[in-house]
N, C-alpha and C. Protein backbone atom coordinates (compact mmCIF):
# COMPACT_ATOMS: atom_id res chain seq x y z
N ALA A 1 -22.52 -1.33 -11.36
CA ALA A 1 -21.36 -1.71 -12.02
C ALA A 1 -20.83 -0.13 -12.77
N SER A 2 -19.51 -0.26 -12.53
CA SER A 2 -18.98 0.98 -13.23
C SER A 2 -17.51 0.73 -13.65
N ALA A 3 -16.99 1.04 -14.60
CA ALA A 3 -15.51 0.96 -14.95
C ALA A 3 -14.74 2.00 -14.13
N ASP A 4 -15.38 2.91 -13.50
CA ASP A 4 -14.79 4.06 -12.67
C ASP A 4 -14.82 3.70 -11.23
N ASP A 5 -13.69 2.98 -10.74
CA ASP A 5 -13.93 2.80 -9.11
C ASP A 5 -14.23 3.87 -8.20
N ASN A 6 -13.71 5.20 -8.72
CA ASN A 6 -13.91 6.24 -8.05
C ASN A 6 -15.62 6.61 -7.84
N MET A 7 -16.21 6.34 -8.95
CA MET A 7 -17.72 6.49 -8.98
C MET A 7 -18.34 5.66 -8.07
N LEU A 8 -17.77 4.30 -8.07
CA LEU A 8 -18.31 3.24 -7.07
C LEU A 8 -18.08 3.60 -5.65
N VAL A 9 -17.00 4.11 -5.36
CA VAL A 9 -16.85 4.64 -3.88
C VAL A 9 -17.76 5.57 -3.62
N GLN A 10 -18.05 6.72 -4.46
CA GLN A 10 -19.09 7.59 -4.15
C GLN A 10 -20.51 7.01 -4.06
N ALA A 11 -20.75 6.19 -4.89
CA ALA A 11 -22.16 5.53 -4.88
C ALA A 11 -22.25 4.80 -3.62
N ILE A 12 -21.29 3.79 -3.27
CA ILE A 12 -21.29 3.07 -2.02
C ILE A 12 -21.46 3.64 -0.81
N ALA A 13 -20.61 4.67 -0.84
CA ALA A 13 -20.59 5.72 0.46
C ALA A 13 -22.01 6.27 0.80
N GLY A 14 -22.89 6.44 -0.35
CA GLY A 14 -24.05 7.08 -0.06
C GLY A 14 -25.18 6.30 0.27
N GLU A 15 -24.96 4.80 0.41
CA GLU A 15 -25.92 3.94 0.40
C GLU A 15 -25.83 2.95 1.62
N LYS A 16 -26.46 2.95 2.54
CA LYS A 16 -26.17 2.18 3.80
C LYS A 16 -26.00 0.65 3.64
N TYR A 17 -26.69 -0.01 2.54
CA TYR A 17 -26.64 -1.45 2.32
C TYR A 17 -25.88 -1.78 0.99
N ALA A 18 -25.35 -0.90 0.39
CA ALA A 18 -24.47 -0.99 -0.83
C ALA A 18 -23.35 -2.00 -0.59
N LEU A 19 -22.79 -2.81 -1.54
CA LEU A 19 -21.78 -3.57 -1.48
C LEU A 19 -21.01 -3.46 -2.76
N GLY A 20 -19.67 -3.30 -2.93
CA GLY A 20 -18.99 -3.17 -3.93
C GLY A 20 -17.61 -3.75 -3.80
N TYR A 21 -17.10 -4.20 -5.04
CA TYR A 21 -15.82 -4.68 -5.20
C TYR A 21 -14.79 -3.92 -5.89
N PHE A 22 -13.70 -3.57 -5.25
CA PHE A 22 -12.67 -2.74 -5.91
C PHE A 22 -11.38 -3.02 -5.42
N GLY A 23 -10.48 -2.47 -5.68
CA GLY A 23 -8.91 -2.61 -5.16
C GLY A 23 -8.88 -1.82 -3.79
N TYR A 24 -8.04 -2.63 -3.03
CA TYR A 24 -7.78 -2.26 -1.70
C TYR A 24 -7.41 -0.55 -1.54
N ALA A 25 -6.71 -0.43 -2.44
CA ALA A 25 -6.09 1.07 -2.47
C ALA A 25 -7.34 2.22 -2.43
N TYR A 26 -8.49 1.85 -3.13
CA TYR A 26 -9.61 2.77 -2.78
C TYR A 26 -10.28 2.78 -1.46
N TYR A 27 -9.89 1.56 -0.68
CA TYR A 27 -10.29 1.89 0.88
C TYR A 27 -9.35 2.55 1.20
N VAL A 28 -8.05 2.41 1.09
CA VAL A 28 -6.94 3.17 1.90
C VAL A 28 -7.10 4.53 1.64
N GLU A 29 -7.70 4.94 0.31
CA GLU A 29 -7.96 6.51 0.20
C GLU A 29 -9.30 7.00 0.85
N ASN A 30 -10.11 6.24 1.11
CA ASN A 30 -11.45 6.43 1.59
C ASN A 30 -12.05 5.74 2.93
N PRO A 31 -11.10 5.54 3.97
CA PRO A 31 -11.26 4.82 5.16
C PRO A 31 -12.61 5.25 5.69
N GLY A 32 -12.97 6.61 5.81
CA GLY A 32 -14.23 7.21 6.57
C GLY A 32 -15.36 6.91 5.74
N LYS A 33 -15.46 6.62 4.56
CA LYS A 33 -16.59 6.51 3.65
C LYS A 33 -16.94 4.94 3.50
N LEU A 34 -15.94 4.11 3.65
CA LEU A 34 -16.39 2.57 3.51
C LEU A 34 -15.97 1.72 4.59
N LYS A 35 -16.45 0.55 4.54
CA LYS A 35 -16.34 -0.34 5.63
C LYS A 35 -15.80 -1.59 4.94
N LEU A 36 -14.67 -2.34 5.56
CA LEU A 36 -14.17 -3.42 4.99
C LEU A 36 -15.28 -4.67 5.43
N VAL A 37 -14.99 -5.58 4.68
CA VAL A 37 -15.93 -6.72 4.76
C VAL A 37 -14.74 -7.98 5.04
N ALA A 38 -14.98 -8.73 6.07
CA ALA A 38 -14.13 -10.00 6.26
C ALA A 38 -14.64 -11.01 5.58
N ILE A 39 -13.78 -11.83 5.32
CA ILE A 39 -14.10 -13.29 4.48
C ILE A 39 -13.72 -14.26 5.59
N ASP A 40 -14.37 -15.47 5.43
CA ASP A 40 -14.15 -16.57 6.15
C ASP A 40 -14.02 -17.87 5.25
N SER A 41 -12.78 -18.33 5.02
CA SER A 41 -12.68 -19.33 4.18
C SER A 41 -12.50 -20.88 5.13
N GLY A 42 -13.19 -20.58 6.34
CA GLY A 42 -12.97 -21.83 7.12
C GLY A 42 -12.08 -22.07 8.22
N LYS A 43 -11.20 -20.91 8.27
CA LYS A 43 -10.35 -20.64 9.47
C LYS A 43 -10.58 -19.44 10.20
N GLY A 44 -11.80 -18.73 10.23
CA GLY A 44 -11.95 -17.47 10.95
C GLY A 44 -12.06 -16.43 9.88
N GLN A 45 -12.56 -15.48 10.46
CA GLN A 45 -12.87 -14.17 9.64
C GLN A 45 -11.48 -13.31 9.43
N VAL A 46 -11.44 -12.90 8.21
CA VAL A 46 -10.17 -12.26 7.93
C VAL A 46 -10.46 -10.89 7.17
N LEU A 47 -10.09 -9.69 7.63
CA LEU A 47 -10.13 -8.58 7.12
C LEU A 47 -9.02 -8.18 6.09
N PRO A 48 -9.14 -7.46 5.01
CA PRO A 48 -8.16 -7.02 4.10
C PRO A 48 -7.25 -6.08 4.82
N SER A 49 -5.96 -6.36 4.72
CA SER A 49 -4.72 -5.45 5.07
C SER A 49 -3.65 -5.78 4.10
N GLU A 50 -2.58 -4.90 4.48
CA GLU A 50 -1.24 -5.23 3.59
C GLU A 50 -0.78 -6.68 3.88
N GLN A 51 -0.94 -7.19 5.31
CA GLN A 51 -0.36 -8.50 5.61
C GLN A 51 -1.36 -9.42 5.02
N THR A 52 -2.51 -9.46 5.20
CA THR A 52 -3.50 -10.66 4.91
C THR A 52 -3.51 -10.87 3.39
N ILE A 53 -3.40 -9.73 2.62
CA ILE A 53 -3.34 -9.62 1.23
C ILE A 53 -2.05 -10.42 0.76
N ASN A 54 -0.78 -9.98 1.33
CA ASN A 54 0.39 -10.33 0.87
C ASN A 54 0.59 -12.00 1.36
N ASP A 55 0.25 -12.44 2.69
CA ASP A 55 0.41 -13.69 3.05
C ASP A 55 -0.71 -14.79 2.47
N GLY A 56 -1.62 -14.14 1.60
CA GLY A 56 -2.58 -15.04 1.06
C GLY A 56 -3.86 -15.48 1.76
N THR A 57 -3.96 -14.85 3.16
CA THR A 57 -5.29 -15.33 3.86
C THR A 57 -6.40 -14.61 3.52
N TYR A 58 -6.36 -13.36 2.77
CA TYR A 58 -7.62 -13.02 2.26
C TYR A 58 -7.90 -13.25 0.85
N LYS A 59 -8.20 -14.55 0.71
CA LYS A 59 -8.45 -15.16 -0.65
C LYS A 59 -9.83 -15.71 -0.55
N PRO A 60 -10.58 -15.72 -1.39
CA PRO A 60 -10.09 -15.42 -2.72
C PRO A 60 -10.47 -14.14 -3.33
N LEU A 61 -10.54 -13.00 -2.38
CA LEU A 61 -10.87 -11.45 -2.83
C LEU A 61 -9.52 -10.74 -3.12
N SER A 62 -8.40 -11.45 -3.11
CA SER A 62 -7.34 -10.68 -3.34
C SER A 62 -6.32 -11.43 -4.48
N ARG A 63 -5.54 -10.89 -5.09
CA ARG A 63 -4.92 -11.37 -6.23
C ARG A 63 -3.43 -10.61 -6.41
N PRO A 64 -2.32 -11.16 -6.82
CA PRO A 64 -1.21 -10.41 -7.35
C PRO A 64 -1.40 -9.89 -8.78
N LEU A 65 -0.78 -8.89 -9.00
CA LEU A 65 -0.91 -8.28 -10.62
C LEU A 65 0.65 -8.23 -11.10
N PHE A 66 0.57 -8.98 -12.17
CA PHE A 66 1.95 -9.13 -12.87
C PHE A 66 1.89 -8.48 -14.10
N ILE A 67 3.07 -8.19 -14.73
CA ILE A 67 3.19 -7.93 -16.14
C ILE A 67 3.86 -9.00 -16.85
N TYR A 68 3.49 -9.33 -18.13
CA TYR A 68 4.02 -10.44 -18.92
C TYR A 68 4.45 -9.68 -20.20
N VAL A 69 5.82 -10.03 -20.47
CA VAL A 69 6.34 -9.62 -21.64
C VAL A 69 6.96 -10.87 -22.45
N ASN A 70 6.58 -10.88 -23.67
CA ASN A 70 7.15 -12.05 -24.38
C ASN A 70 8.68 -11.84 -24.74
N LYS A 71 9.21 -13.05 -24.96
CA LYS A 71 10.43 -13.00 -25.40
C LYS A 71 11.13 -12.06 -26.45
N GLU A 72 10.33 -11.99 -27.43
CA GLU A 72 10.62 -11.24 -28.66
C GLU A 72 10.73 -9.82 -28.29
N SER A 73 9.69 -9.22 -27.47
CA SER A 73 9.71 -7.96 -27.04
C SER A 73 10.79 -7.63 -26.09
N MET A 74 11.37 -8.53 -25.25
CA MET A 74 12.51 -8.47 -24.30
C MET A 74 13.66 -8.12 -24.95
N LYS A 75 13.85 -8.49 -26.59
CA LYS A 75 14.99 -8.26 -27.19
C LYS A 75 15.09 -6.75 -27.51
N ARG A 76 14.04 -5.99 -27.41
CA ARG A 76 14.09 -4.62 -27.81
C ARG A 76 14.65 -3.69 -26.38
N PRO A 77 15.64 -3.10 -26.56
CA PRO A 77 16.38 -2.39 -25.43
C PRO A 77 15.32 -1.62 -24.50
N GLU A 78 14.57 -0.67 -25.02
CA GLU A 78 13.66 0.13 -24.48
C GLU A 78 12.45 -0.72 -23.72
N ILE A 79 12.20 -1.87 -24.21
CA ILE A 79 11.35 -2.71 -23.47
C ILE A 79 11.99 -3.32 -22.20
N LYS A 80 13.19 -3.82 -22.51
CA LYS A 80 13.99 -4.43 -21.33
C LYS A 80 14.37 -3.47 -20.23
N GLU A 81 14.63 -2.32 -20.70
CA GLU A 81 14.77 -1.26 -19.68
C GLU A 81 13.65 -0.83 -18.78
N PHE A 82 12.44 -0.83 -19.46
CA PHE A 82 11.27 -0.41 -18.93
C PHE A 82 10.95 -1.50 -17.72
N VAL A 83 11.04 -2.88 -18.41
CA VAL A 83 10.64 -4.05 -17.12
C VAL A 83 11.84 -3.92 -16.20
N LYS A 84 12.95 -3.66 -16.26
CA LYS A 84 14.06 -3.35 -15.12
C LYS A 84 13.49 -2.41 -14.22
N TYR A 85 13.09 -1.13 -14.68
CA TYR A 85 12.92 0.00 -14.05
C TYR A 85 11.51 -0.44 -13.30
N TYR A 86 10.73 -0.98 -13.98
CA TYR A 86 9.41 -1.27 -13.24
C TYR A 86 9.70 -2.37 -12.13
N LEU A 87 10.34 -3.24 -12.24
CA LEU A 87 10.68 -4.29 -11.23
C LEU A 87 11.57 -3.64 -10.24
N ALA A 88 12.55 -2.67 -10.37
CA ALA A 88 13.43 -2.01 -9.41
C ALA A 88 12.58 -1.05 -8.64
N GLN A 89 12.00 -0.15 -9.25
CA GLN A 89 11.16 0.93 -8.57
C GLN A 89 9.90 0.72 -8.26
N GLY A 90 9.27 -0.54 -8.66
CA GLY A 90 7.72 -0.70 -8.58
C GLY A 90 7.30 -0.82 -7.37
N LYS A 91 8.01 -1.38 -6.52
CA LYS A 91 7.73 -1.82 -5.06
C LYS A 91 7.32 -0.37 -4.38
N GLU A 92 8.07 0.56 -4.68
CA GLU A 92 7.93 1.77 -4.00
C GLU A 92 7.00 2.56 -4.61
N LEU A 93 6.86 2.60 -5.83
CA LEU A 93 5.64 3.25 -6.61
C LEU A 93 4.43 2.70 -6.17
N VAL A 94 4.28 1.23 -5.99
CA VAL A 94 3.04 0.78 -5.82
C VAL A 94 2.57 1.23 -4.38
N SER A 95 3.55 1.28 -3.54
CA SER A 95 3.06 1.75 -2.26
C SER A 95 2.59 3.17 -2.16
N GLN A 96 3.17 3.86 -3.00
CA GLN A 96 2.69 5.66 -3.02
C GLN A 96 1.45 5.49 -3.65
N VAL A 97 0.97 4.81 -4.31
CA VAL A 97 -0.47 4.79 -5.01
C VAL A 97 -1.52 3.91 -3.99
N GLY A 98 -1.18 3.44 -3.08
CA GLY A 98 -2.01 2.68 -2.22
C GLY A 98 -2.01 1.14 -2.50
N TYR A 99 -1.47 0.52 -3.43
CA TYR A 99 -1.51 -0.76 -3.71
C TYR A 99 -0.69 -1.48 -2.73
N VAL A 100 -0.62 -2.90 -2.63
CA VAL A 100 0.21 -3.59 -1.48
C VAL A 100 1.38 -4.23 -2.35
N LYS A 101 2.54 -3.89 -1.89
CA LYS A 101 3.75 -4.40 -2.53
C LYS A 101 3.92 -5.94 -2.23
N MET A 102 4.47 -6.53 -3.30
CA MET A 102 4.59 -7.98 -3.12
C MET A 102 6.03 -8.07 -2.21
N PRO A 103 6.20 -9.23 -1.82
CA PRO A 103 7.56 -9.38 -1.04
C PRO A 103 8.71 -9.21 -1.92
N ASP A 104 9.75 -8.67 -1.32
CA ASP A 104 11.10 -8.36 -2.18
C ASP A 104 11.44 -9.74 -3.06
N SER A 105 11.31 -10.69 -2.66
CA SER A 105 11.80 -11.81 -3.28
C SER A 105 10.99 -12.05 -4.77
N VAL A 106 9.87 -11.57 -4.72
CA VAL A 106 9.15 -11.63 -6.16
C VAL A 106 9.76 -10.59 -7.00
N TYR A 107 10.06 -9.36 -6.53
CA TYR A 107 10.87 -8.51 -7.51
C TYR A 107 12.22 -8.87 -7.79
N GLU A 108 12.74 -9.45 -6.95
CA GLU A 108 14.19 -9.91 -7.21
C GLU A 108 14.25 -11.14 -8.26
N GLU A 109 13.25 -12.04 -8.13
CA GLU A 109 13.11 -13.03 -9.19
C GLU A 109 12.83 -12.50 -10.52
N GLY A 110 11.94 -11.48 -10.51
CA GLY A 110 11.65 -10.81 -11.72
C GLY A 110 12.89 -10.37 -12.41
N LEU A 111 13.55 -9.43 -11.52
CA LEU A 111 14.79 -8.69 -12.15
C LEU A 111 15.61 -9.75 -12.65
N SER A 112 15.98 -10.82 -12.01
CA SER A 112 17.02 -11.94 -12.35
C SER A 112 16.42 -12.49 -13.71
N ARG A 113 15.26 -12.43 -14.03
CA ARG A 113 14.76 -13.10 -15.22
C ARG A 113 14.78 -11.97 -16.31
N ALA A 114 14.64 -10.74 -16.06
CA ALA A 114 14.84 -9.79 -16.92
C ALA A 114 16.19 -9.39 -17.48
N ARG A 115 17.17 -9.96 -16.73
CA ARG A 115 18.54 -9.64 -17.17
C ARG A 115 19.07 -10.47 -18.12
């Protein structure tokens, strides 16, 4: 176990029978070093991909990440502007770092709540 996923990638890549759990983005960055593992929830094997993560078929090993801001903090202009920026630009930034973006409707719903 390690708090540094990059160290896990290096350790796993060097061991034939090693198994590790970390974000899909680390696989995207290291496809030649790592092998994906399919899961079977009773409906056949499913490998992780942008599609299977987004449509929920790669569960229970994938989950969405959200930010939560309390109502009092949202009254502060700098917090409100950050949240709006995060939701407006987040989907593009998420893809740039190898994470899987959520459907546009999720970002749109968040933006409408932030206004």
